[in-house]
C-alpha atoms as a PDB file:
ATOM      1  CA  MET A   1     121.823 129.151 127.602  1.00  0.00           C
ATOM      2  CA  ASN A   2     121.866 125.440 126.708  1.00  0.00           C
ATOM      3  CA  LEU A   3     118.735 123.831 128.083  1.00  0.00           C
ATOM      4  CA  TRP A   4     119.832 120.336 127.103  1.00  0.00           C
ATOM      5  CA  ARG A   5     123.091 119.820 129.032  1.00  0.00           C
ATOM      6  CA  LYS A   6     122.667 117.754 132.188  1.00  0.00           C
ATOM      7  CA  ALA A   7     124.722 115.852 134.579  1.00  0.00           C
ATOM      8  CA  PRO A   8     125.744 112.560 132.896  1.00  0.00           C
ATOM      9  CA  ASN A   9     124.096 109.523 134.156  1.00  0.00           C
ATOM     10  CA  PRO A  10     126.850 107.196 135.579  1.00  0.00           C
ATOM     11  CA  PHE A  11     124.722 104.135 135.048  1.00  0.00           C
ATOM     12  CA  GLU A  12     124.274 104.523 131.359  1.00  0.00           C
ATOM     13  CA  GLY A  13     126.352 103.697 128.345  1.00  0.00           C
ATOM     14  CA  GLN A  14     130.101 103.986 128.667  1.00  0.00           C
ATOM     15  CA  GLY A  15     129.721 105.312 132.281  1.00  0.00           C
ATOM     16  CA  ARG A  16     128.228 102.045 133.435  1.00  0.00           C
ATOM     17  CA  MET A  17     131.274 100.118 131.837  1.00  0.00           C
ATOM     18  CA  PHE A  18     133.812 102.380 133.477  1.00  0.00           C
ATOM     19  CA  LEU A  19     132.253 101.926 136.891  1.00  0.00           C
ATOM     20  CA  ALA A  20     132.152  98.192 136.422  1.00  0.00           C
ATOM     21  CA  TYR A  21     135.912  98.076 135.354  1.00  0.00           C
ATOM     22  CA  ALA A  22     136.923 100.220 138.222  1.00  0.00           C
ATOM     23  CA  TRP A  23     135.041  97.986 140.762  1.00  0.00           C
ATOM     24  CA  ILE A  24     136.849  94.851 139.424  1.00  0.00           C
ATOM     25  CA  VAL A  25     140.232  96.562 139.635  1.00  0.00           C
ATOM     26  CA  VAL A  26     139.439  97.497 143.224  1.00  0.00           C
ATOM     27  CA  LEU A  27     138.495  93.962 143.989  1.00  0.00           C
ATOM     28  CA  PHE A  28     141.688  92.581 142.606  1.00  0.00           C
ATOM     29  CA  VAL A  29     143.767  95.190 144.623  1.00  0.00           C
ATOM     30  CA  VAL A  30     141.902  94.836 148.027  1.00  0.00           C
ATOM     31  CA  GLY A  31     140.759  91.200 147.411  1.00  0.00           C
ATOM     32  CA  PRO A  32     143.639  89.482 149.202  1.00  0.00           C
ATOM     33  CA  THR A  33     143.344  91.740 152.206  1.00  0.00           C
ATOM     34  CA  MET A  34     139.592  91.347 152.258  1.00  0.00           C
ATOM     35  CA  ALA A  35     139.882  87.477 151.982  1.00  0.00           C
ATOM     36  CA  SER A  36     142.382  87.382 154.902  1.00  0.00           C
ATOM     37  CA  ARG A  37     140.308  89.545 157.158  1.00  0.00           C
ATOM     38  CA  LEU A  38     137.288  87.322 156.382  1.00  0.00           C
ATOM     39  CA  ASP A  39     139.324  84.215 157.141  1.00  0.00           C
ATOM     40  CA  ASP A  40     140.309  85.619 160.434  1.00  0.00           C
ATOM     41  CA  ARG A  41     136.634  85.837 161.372  1.00  0.00           C
ATOM     42  CA  GLY A  42     135.973  82.287 160.332  1.00  0.00           C
ATOM     43  CA  LEU A  43     134.476  83.042 156.965  1.00  0.00           C
ATOM     44  CA  PRO A  44     135.532  81.637 153.474  1.00  0.00           C
ATOM     45  CA  GLY A  45     137.191  84.839 152.384  1.00  0.00           C
ATOM     46  CA  ALA A  46     138.643  83.540 149.114  1.00  0.00           C
ATOM     47  CA  ARG A  47     135.264  82.047 148.006  1.00  0.00           C
ATOM     48  CA  ILE A  48     133.409  85.403 148.917  1.00  0.00           C
ATOM     49  CA  VAL A  49     135.930  87.466 146.995  1.00  0.00           C
ATOM     50  CA  LEU A  50     135.849  85.093 144.010  1.00  0.00           C
ATOM     51  CA  VAL A  51     131.945  85.360 143.967  1.00  0.00           C
ATOM     52  CA  LEU A  52     132.117  89.110 143.908  1.00  0.00           C
ATOM     53  CA  ILE A  53     134.657  89.148 141.126  1.00  0.00           C
ATOM     54  CA  VAL A  54     132.372  86.708 139.044  1.00  0.00           C
ATOM     55  CA  MET A  55     129.374  88.895 139.678  1.00  0.00           C
ATOM     56  CA  SER A  56     131.371  92.075 138.648  1.00  0.00           C
ATOM     57  CA  ALA A  57     132.455  90.224 135.482  1.00  0.00           C
ATOM     58  CA  CYS A  58     128.821  89.512 134.700  1.00  0.00           C
ATOM     59  CA  PHE A  59     127.949  93.028 135.259  1.00  0.00           C
ATOM     60  CA  VAL A  60     130.649  94.200 132.949  1.00  0.00           C
ATOM     61  CA  GLY A  61     129.380  91.703 130.249  1.00  0.00           C
ATOM     62  CA  TYR A  62     125.914  93.362 130.728  1.00  0.00           C
ATOM     63  CA  ALA A  63     127.382  96.766 130.354  1.00  0.00           C
ATOM     64  CA  VAL A  64     129.073  95.873 127.138  1.00  0.00           C
ATOM     65  CA  TYR A  65     125.991  94.235 125.821  1.00  0.00           C
ATOM     66  CA  THR A  66     123.914  97.326 126.461  1.00  0.00           C
ATOM     67  CA  SER A  67     126.341  99.587 124.916  1.00  0.00           C
ATOM     68  CA  LEU A  68     126.338  97.758 121.526  1.00  0.00           C
ATOM     69  CA  PRO A  69     123.190  99.331 120.187  1.00  0.00           C
ATOM     70  CA  ARG A  70     124.643 102.804 120.603  1.00  0.00           C
ATOM     71  CA  ARG A  71     127.767 101.894 118.735  1.00  0.00           C
ATOM     72  CA  ARG A  72     125.792 100.304 115.946  1.00  0.00           C
ATOM     73  CA  ARG A  73     123.440 103.275 115.599  1.00  0.00           C
ATOM     74  CA  ALA A  74     126.333 105.746 115.706  1.00  0.00           C
ATOM     75  CA  ARG A  75     127.953 103.952 112.681  1.00  0.00           C
ATOM     76  CA  ALA A  76     124.487 104.053 110.932  1.00  0.00           C
ATOM     77  CA  VAL A  77     124.066 107.741 111.652  1.00  0.00           C
ATOM     78  CA  SER A  78     127.579 108.539 110.464  1.00  0.00           C
ATOM     79  CA  ARG A  79     126.952 106.720 107.205  1.00  0.00           C
ATOM     80  CA  VAL A  80     123.807 108.562 106.565  1.00  0.00           C
ATOM     81  CA  ALA A  81     125.299 111.928 107.441  1.00  0.00           C
ATOM     82  CA  LYS A  82     128.155 111.287 104.945  1.00  0.00           C
ATOM     83  CA  SER A  83     125.797 110.213 102.196  1.00  0.00           C
ATOM     84  CA  MET A  84     123.808 113.311 102.668  1.00  0.00           C
ATOM     85  CA  GLY A  85     126.929 115.661 102.854  1.00  0.00           C
ATOM     86  CA  ALA A  86     125.966 116.685 106.404  1.00  0.00           C
ATOM     87  CA  PRO A  87     128.573 117.134 109.264  1.00  0.00           C
ATOM     88  CA  TYR A  88     128.340 114.195 111.718  1.00  0.00           C
ATOM     89  CA  GLN A  89     128.203 115.320 115.344  1.00  0.00           C
ATOM     90  CA  SER A  90     129.301 112.687 117.951  1.00  0.00           C
ATOM     91  CA  SER A  91     127.511 114.676 120.525  1.00  0.00           C
ATOM     92  CA  PHE A  92     124.371 116.190 119.036  1.00  0.00           C
ATOM     93  CA  THR A  93     122.598 119.121 120.834  1.00  0.00           C
ATOM     94  CA  PRO A  94     118.945 119.550 119.651  1.00  0.00           C
ATOM     95  CA  PRO A  95     117.904 123.077 118.834  1.00  0.00           C
ATOM     96  CA  SER A  96     116.325 124.873 121.767  1.00  0.00           C
ATOM     97  CA  THR A  97     112.921 125.046 119.964  1.00  0.00           C
ATOM     98  CA  MET A  98     112.828 121.422 119.823  1.00  0.00           C
ATOM     99  CA  HIS A  99     112.112 121.136 123.512  1.00  0.00           C
ATOM    100  CA  ALA A 100     108.353 121.404 122.667  1.00  0.00           C
ATOM    101  CA  LEU A 101     108.478 117.719 121.703  1.00  0.00           C
ATOM    102  CA  PRO A 102     107.245 115.487 124.503  1.00  0.00           C
ATOM    103  CA  PHE A 103     110.349 113.221 124.816  1.00  0.00           C
ATOM    104  CA  LEU A 104     112.743 116.131 125.314  1.00  0.00           C
ATOM    105  CA  ALA A 105     110.289 118.306 127.345  1.00  0.00           C
ATOM    106  CA  MET A 106     108.677 115.881 129.603  1.00  0.00           C
ATOM    107  CA  VAL A 107     110.800 112.801 130.224  1.00  0.00           C
ATOM    108  CA  PRO A 108     113.000 113.448 133.318  1.00  0.00           C
ATOM    109  CA  ALA A 109     116.362 114.583 132.313  1.00  0.00           C
ATOM    110  CA  ALA A 110     118.043 111.866 134.554  1.00  0.00           C
ATOM    111  CA  ASN A 111     116.253 109.186 132.393  1.00  0.00           C
ATOM    112  CA  ARG A 112     117.005 110.338 128.908  1.00  0.00           C
ATOM    113  CA  SER A 113     119.967 111.159 126.674  1.00  0.00           C
ATOM    114  CA  VAL A 114     120.704 112.374 123.207  1.00  0.00           C
ATOM    115  CA  PHE A 115     123.844 111.126 121.566  1.00  0.00           C
ATOM    116  CA  GLU A 116     125.231 111.442 117.979  1.00  0.00           C
ATOM    117  CA  GLY A 117     123.389 113.050 115.115  1.00  0.00           C
ATOM    118  CA  PHE A 118     123.464 115.686 112.297  1.00  0.00           C
ATOM    119  CA  GLU A 119     121.413 118.364 110.719  1.00  0.00           C
ATOM    120  CA  CYS A 120     120.917 118.947 106.940  1.00  0.00           C
ATOM    121  CA  ALA A 121     118.512 120.462 104.448  1.00  0.00           C
ATOM    122  CA  LEU A 122     116.438 117.873 102.535  1.00  0.00           C
ATOM    123  CA  ASP A 123     114.375 119.034  99.568  1.00  0.00           C
ATOM    124  CA  GLY A 124     114.260 122.500 101.138  1.00  0.00           C
ATOM    125  CA  ARG A 125     113.175 121.217 104.620  1.00  0.00           C
ATOM    126  CA  HIS A 126     115.298 121.168 107.712  1.00  0.00           C
ATOM    127  CA  VAL A 127     115.929 117.614 109.080  1.00  0.00           C
ATOM    128  CA  SER A 128     117.680 116.552 112.259  1.00  0.00           C
ATOM    129  CA  MET A 129     118.701 112.854 112.942  1.00  0.00           C
ATOM    130  CA  PHE A 130     119.953 111.671 116.140  1.00  0.00           C
ATOM    131  CA  THR A 131     120.153 108.797 118.570  1.00  0.00           C
ATOM    132  CA  ARG A 132     118.378 108.930 121.943  1.00  0.00           C
ATOM    133  CA  SER A 133     117.997 106.617 124.805  1.00  0.00           C
ATOM    134  CA  GLN A 134     115.812 106.224 127.788  1.00  0.00           C
ATOM    135  CA  ALA A 135     116.930 104.414 131.073  1.00  0.00           C
ATOM    136  CA  PRO A 136     113.953 103.798 133.275  1.00  0.00           C
ATOM    137  CA  ASP A 137     116.332 102.940 136.115  1.00  0.00           C
ATOM    138  CA  MET A 138     119.696 101.177 136.532  1.00  0.00           C
ATOM    139  CA  TYR A 139     118.053  97.762 136.770  1.00  0.00           C
ATOM    140  CA  GLU A 140     116.175  97.892 133.476  1.00  0.00           C
ATOM    141  CA  PRO A 141     117.558  97.755 129.931  1.00  0.00           C
ATOM    142  CA  THR A 142     118.138 100.956 128.157  1.00  0.00           C
ATOM    143  CA  ILE A 143     115.720 101.846 125.465  1.00  0.00           C
ATOM    144  CA  TRP A 144     117.376 102.923 122.267  1.00  0.00           C
ATOM    145  CA  ARG A 145     115.678 104.748 119.367  1.00  0.00           C
ATOM    146  CA  SER A 146     116.860 106.455 116.132  1.00  0.00           C
ATOM    147  CA  CYS A 147     114.968 109.781 115.656  1.00  0.00           C
ATOM    148  CA  ALA A 148     114.347 112.138 112.745  1.00  0.00           C
ATOM    149  CA  ALA A 149     112.766 115.493 113.298  1.00  0.00           C
ATOM    150  CA  THR A 150     111.748 118.273 111.019  1.00  0.00           C
ATOM    151  CA  ARG A 151     110.061 121.682 111.283  1.00  0.00           C
ATOM    152  CA  VAL A 152     106.368 121.946 110.419  1.00  0.00           C
ATOM    153  CA  ALA A 153     104.279 124.967 109.621  1.00  0.00           C
ATOM    154  CA  ILE A 154     102.108 124.836 112.774  1.00  0.00           C
ATOM    155  CA  ASP A 155     102.405 125.799 116.477  1.00  0.00           C
ATOM    156  CA  ALA A 156     101.336 122.520 117.984  1.00  0.00           C
ATOM    157  CA  PRO A 157     100.455 121.418 121.503  1.00  0.00           C
ATOM    158  CA  MET A 158     102.304 118.356 122.665  1.00  0.00           C
ATOM    159  CA  LEU A 159     101.107 115.075 121.189  1.00  0.00           C
ATOM    160  CA  ARG A 160     102.678 111.626 121.046  1.00  0.00           C
ATOM    161  CA  ILE A 161     101.483 108.620 118.908  1.00  0.00           C
ATOM    162  CA  GLU A 162     103.128 105.427 119.946  1.00  0.00           C
ATOM    163  CA  ARG A 163     102.527 101.590 119.408  1.00  0.00           C
ATOM    164  CA  ARG A 164     100.710  99.808 122.165  1.00  0.00           C
ATOM    165  CA  GLY A 165     103.019  98.239 124.777  1.00  0.00           C
ATOM    166  CA  PRO A 166     105.123  99.824 127.444  1.00  0.00           C
ATOM    167  CA  ALA A 167     104.588 103.495 127.228  1.00  0.00           C
ATOM    168  CA  ILE A 168     107.402 106.068 127.265  1.00  0.00           C
ATOM    169  CA  ALA A 169     107.599 107.797 130.580  1.00  0.00           C
ATOM    170  CA  VAL A 170     106.236 111.227 129.486  1.00  0.00           C
ATOM    171  CA  ASP A 171     104.499 113.362 131.873  1.00  0.00           C
ATOM    172  CA  HIS A 172     101.267 111.977 133.233  1.00  0.00           C
ATOM    173  CA  ARG A 173      99.455 115.164 132.256  1.00  0.00           C
ATOM    174  CA  LEU A 174      99.366 114.094 128.536  1.00  0.00           C
ATOM    175  CA  ALA A 175      95.924 112.539 128.387  1.00  0.00           C
ATOM    176  CA  GLU A 176      95.213 109.450 126.288  1.00  0.00           C
ATOM    177  CA  HIS A 177      92.661 109.867 123.498  1.00  0.00           C
ATOM    178  CA  THR A 178      90.823 107.029 121.787  1.00  0.00           C
ATOM    179  CA  PHE A 179      89.072 107.130 118.322  1.00  0.00           C
ATOM    180  CA  GLU A 180      86.192 105.564 116.633  1.00  0.00           C
ATOM    181  CA  SER A 181      88.361 103.030 114.767  1.00  0.00           C
ATOM    182  CA  GLU A 182      88.931 100.146 117.194  1.00  0.00           C
ATOM    183  CA  SER A 183      91.606  98.527 114.892  1.00  0.00           C
ATOM    184  CA  PHE A 184      93.505 101.862 115.172  1.00  0.00           C
ATOM    185  CA  ASN A 185      93.166 102.047 118.918  1.00  0.00           C
ATOM    186  CA  GLU A 186      94.542  98.474 119.217  1.00  0.00           C
ATOM    187  CA  ILE A 187      97.686  99.318 117.484  1.00  0.00           C
ATOM    188  CA  TRP A 188      98.371 102.976 118.444  1.00  0.00           C
ATOM    189  CA  ARG A 189      98.213 104.962 121.662  1.00  0.00           C
ATOM    190  CA  VAL A 190      97.713 108.727 121.402  1.00  0.00           C
ATOM    191  CA  ARG A 191      98.428 111.113 124.052  1.00  0.00           C
ATOM    192  CA  SER A 192      98.234 114.891 123.913  1.00  0.00           C
ATOM    193  CA  SER A 193      97.910 118.062 126.035  1.00  0.00           C
ATOM    194  CA  ASP A 194      95.042 119.228 123.842  1.00  0.00           C
ATOM    195  CA  GLY A 195      92.117 117.015 122.924  1.00  0.00           C
ATOM    196  CA  ARG A 196      90.906 119.177 120.085  1.00  0.00           C
ATOM    197  CA  PHE A 197      94.498 119.035 118.514  1.00  0.00           C
ATOM    198  CA  ALA A 198      94.541 115.215 118.775  1.00  0.00           C
ATOM    199  CA  GLU A 199      91.151 114.959 116.998  1.00  0.00           C
ATOM    200  CA  ALA A 200      92.159 117.380 114.361  1.00  0.00           C
ATOM    201  CA  LEU A 201      95.574 115.757 113.605  1.00  0.00           C
ATOM    202  CA  VAL A 202      94.467 112.130 113.729  1.00  0.00           C
ATOM    203  CA  ASP A 203      91.740 112.206 111.177  1.00  0.00           C
ATOM    204  CA  GLN A 204      90.603 109.288 108.960  1.00  0.00           C
ATOM    205  CA  ARG A 205      93.381 109.699 106.386  1.00  0.00           C
ATOM    206  CA  MET A 206      96.083 109.853 109.115  1.00  0.00           C
ATOM    207  CA  MET A 207      94.691 106.717 110.855  1.00  0.00           C
ATOM    208  CA  ALA A 208      94.498 104.769 107.610  1.00  0.00           C
ATOM    209  CA  TRP A 209      98.144 105.626 106.908  1.00  0.00           C
ATOM    210  CA  LEU A 210      99.346 104.791 110.389  1.00  0.00           C
ATOM    211  CA  GLN A 211      97.624 101.436 110.309  1.00  0.00           C
ATOM    212  CA  GLY A 212      99.876 100.464 107.274  1.00  0.00           C
ATOM    213  CA  VAL A 213     103.111 101.522 109.028  1.00  0.00           C
ATOM    214  CA  ASP A 214     105.386  98.777 110.015  1.00  0.00           C
ATOM    215  CA  ARG A 215     108.797  99.666 111.361  1.00  0.00           C
ATOM    216  CA  LEU A 216     108.114 103.012 112.986  1.00  0.00           C
ATOM    217  CA  GLU A 217     107.560 103.057 116.872  1.00  0.00           C
ATOM    218  CA  ALA A 218     106.286 106.548 117.491  1.00  0.00           C
ATOM    219  CA  PHE A 219     105.634 110.014 116.208  1.00  0.00           C
ATOM    220  CA  GLU A 220     105.661 113.258 118.113  1.00  0.00           C
ATOM    221  CA  VAL A 221     104.474 116.724 117.486  1.00  0.00           C
ATOM    222  CA  GLY A 222     105.187 119.795 119.537  1.00  0.00           C
ATOM    223  CA  GLY A 223     105.687 123.544 118.851  1.00  0.00           C
ATOM    224  CA  GLY A 224     106.954 123.781 115.322  1.00  0.00           C
ATOM    225  CA  TRP A 225     108.454 120.282 115.194  1.00  0.00           C
ATOM    226  CA  ALA A 226     107.444 116.734 114.206  1.00  0.00           C
ATOM    227  CA  MET A 227     109.548 113.632 115.073  1.00  0.00           C
ATOM    228  CA  ALA A 228     109.562 109.975 114.082  1.00  0.00           C
ATOM    229  CA  GLU A 229     111.237 107.142 116.040  1.00  0.00           C
ATOM    230  CA  GLN A 230     112.223 103.639 115.128  1.00  0.00           C
ATOM    231  CA  ALA A 231     113.942 100.891 117.119  1.00  0.00           C
ATOM    232  CA  ASP A 232     115.824  99.432 114.103  1.00  0.00           C
ATOM    233  CA  GLY A 233     115.854  99.459 110.422  1.00  0.00           C
ATOM    234  CA  ASP A 234     116.959 101.621 107.451  1.00  0.00           C
ATOM    235  CA  LEU A 235     117.467 105.331 108.518  1.00  0.00           C
ATOM    236  CA  GLY A 236     116.530 106.377 104.969  1.00  0.00           C
ATOM    237  CA  GLU A 237     113.058 104.739 105.530  1.00  0.00           C
ATOM    238  CA  LEU A 238     112.906 106.636 108.823  1.00  0.00           C
ATOM    239  CA  ILE A 239     113.310 110.067 107.159  1.00  0.00           C
ATOM    240  CA  GLY A 240     110.823 108.986 104.428  1.00  0.00           C
ATOM    241  CA  SER A 241     108.303 108.014 106.996  1.00  0.00           C
ATOM    242  CA  LEU A 242     108.710 111.349 108.785  1.00  0.00           C
ATOM    243  CA  GLU A 243     108.077 113.172 105.502  1.00  0.00           C
ATOM    244  CA  THR A 244     105.032 111.117 104.804  1.00  0.00           C
ATOM    245  CA  PHE A 245     103.712 111.756 108.303  1.00  0.00           C
ATOM    246  CA  VAL A 246     104.136 115.552 107.907  1.00  0.00           C
ATOM    247  CA  GLY A 247     102.476 115.258 104.566  1.00  0.00           C
ATOM    248  CA  HIS A 248      99.396 113.643 106.240  1.00  0.00           C
ATOM    249  CA  ILE A 249      98.920 116.485 108.673  1.00  0.00           C
ATOM    250  CA  PRO A 250      95.437 117.832 107.757  1.00  0.00           C
ATOM    251  CA  ARG A 251      95.264 121.291 106.394  1.00  0.00           C
ATOM    252  CA  VAL A 252      92.656 122.238 109.038  1.00  0.00           C
ATOM    253  CA  VAL A 253      95.438 121.865 111.648  1.00  0.00           C
ATOM    254  CA  GLU A 254      97.412 124.597 110.041  1.00  0.00           C
ATOM    255  CA  SER A 255      94.560 126.923 110.221  1.00  0.00           C
ATOM    256  CA  LEU A 256      93.592 125.964 113.813  1.00  0.00           C
ATOM    257  CA  TYR A 257      97.277 126.030 115.091  1.00  0.00           C
ATOM    258  CA  PRO A 258      99.120 128.569 112.774  1.00  0.00           C
ATOM    259  CA  ALA A 259     102.849 128.595 112.797  1.00  0.00           C
ATOM    260  CA  ALA A 260     104.563 130.885 115.302  1.00  0.00           C
ATOM    261  CA  PRO A 261     106.848 133.681 114.196  1.00  0.00           C
ATOM    262  CA  GLN A 262     110.264 132.313 113.559  1.00  0.00           C
ATOM    263  CA  HIS A 263     112.494 131.779 116.739  1.00  0.00           C
ATOM    264  CA  ALA A 264     109.400 132.615 118.903  1.00  0.00           C
ATOM    265  CA  PRO A 265     108.976 130.312 122.053  1.00  0.00           C
ATOM    266  CA  PRO A 266     106.068 127.872 122.125  1.00  0.00           C
ATOM    267  CA  ARG A 267     102.876 129.258 123.493  1.00  0.00           C
ATOM    268  CA  ALA A 268     102.572 128.671 127.207  1.00  0.00           C
ATOM    269  CA  ASP A 269      99.078 127.090 126.825  1.00  0.00           C
ATOM    270  CA  HIS A 270     100.654 124.285 124.778  1.00  0.00           C
ATOM    271  CA  PHE A 271     102.271 122.939 128.016  1.00  0.00           C
ATOM    272  CA  PRO A 272      99.999 120.902 130.187  1.00  0.00           C
ATOM    273  CA  THR A 273      99.442 122.000 133.752  1.00  0.00           C
ATOM    274  CA  ASP A 274      98.143 120.263 136.827  1.00  0.00           C
ATOM    275  CA  ARG A 275      94.385 120.882 137.305  1.00  0.00           C
END
């Protein structure tokens, strides 16, 4: 069963544009009748209909503007897939085991989408790259991210490391953890379902490296996966940063959270529960 298919959000991407276009067509068709009826009631019907058309045109412009990031990212992902000899997928479905990552597991399905992407083997490691979006609601701009994910040799609780600022709407049960380095805490926010795992993963070496990272917006770990996100920039750099992040995972983490058998579901105790 595909856990990742959901009802499309009509207020996101192309669906938003189609609704706006349809509304303008309806206004043009019924506009004269509407204006005539408003005039009969002593109201400036023509002006009201004109204002509605102008407002709808503005909405179409906004919809087109917000769809541009996806089109730009789609072209970039397609180019990288071609350069790596990987089949490009206009509609990418993450592997079912990837649901252990916080974004896919805990952001409400109505507020997130995964678009184009591809999978390939890079230096013997499985790598997935895809575009994802988060729409807090229909009145706020859609948040776009390019993502690269790879398998790791651990069975990890959910953890997200993200830059300070507006936090992604992952489940509130991921607790925030602070560290001794104030300079690190000022740049990065760390949230996890397991405090011991957060302290083991984000050691001094990991903190030092993260403080030198410029373009990346976030990193996630969950189950047997690690993921990196960036808002803009070179996708090759995104994959390289993901590889470096995985290389900085302390060896003690592998002994504390050994990899699960292949294709085994994530451990139940890795999912946060209300207390």
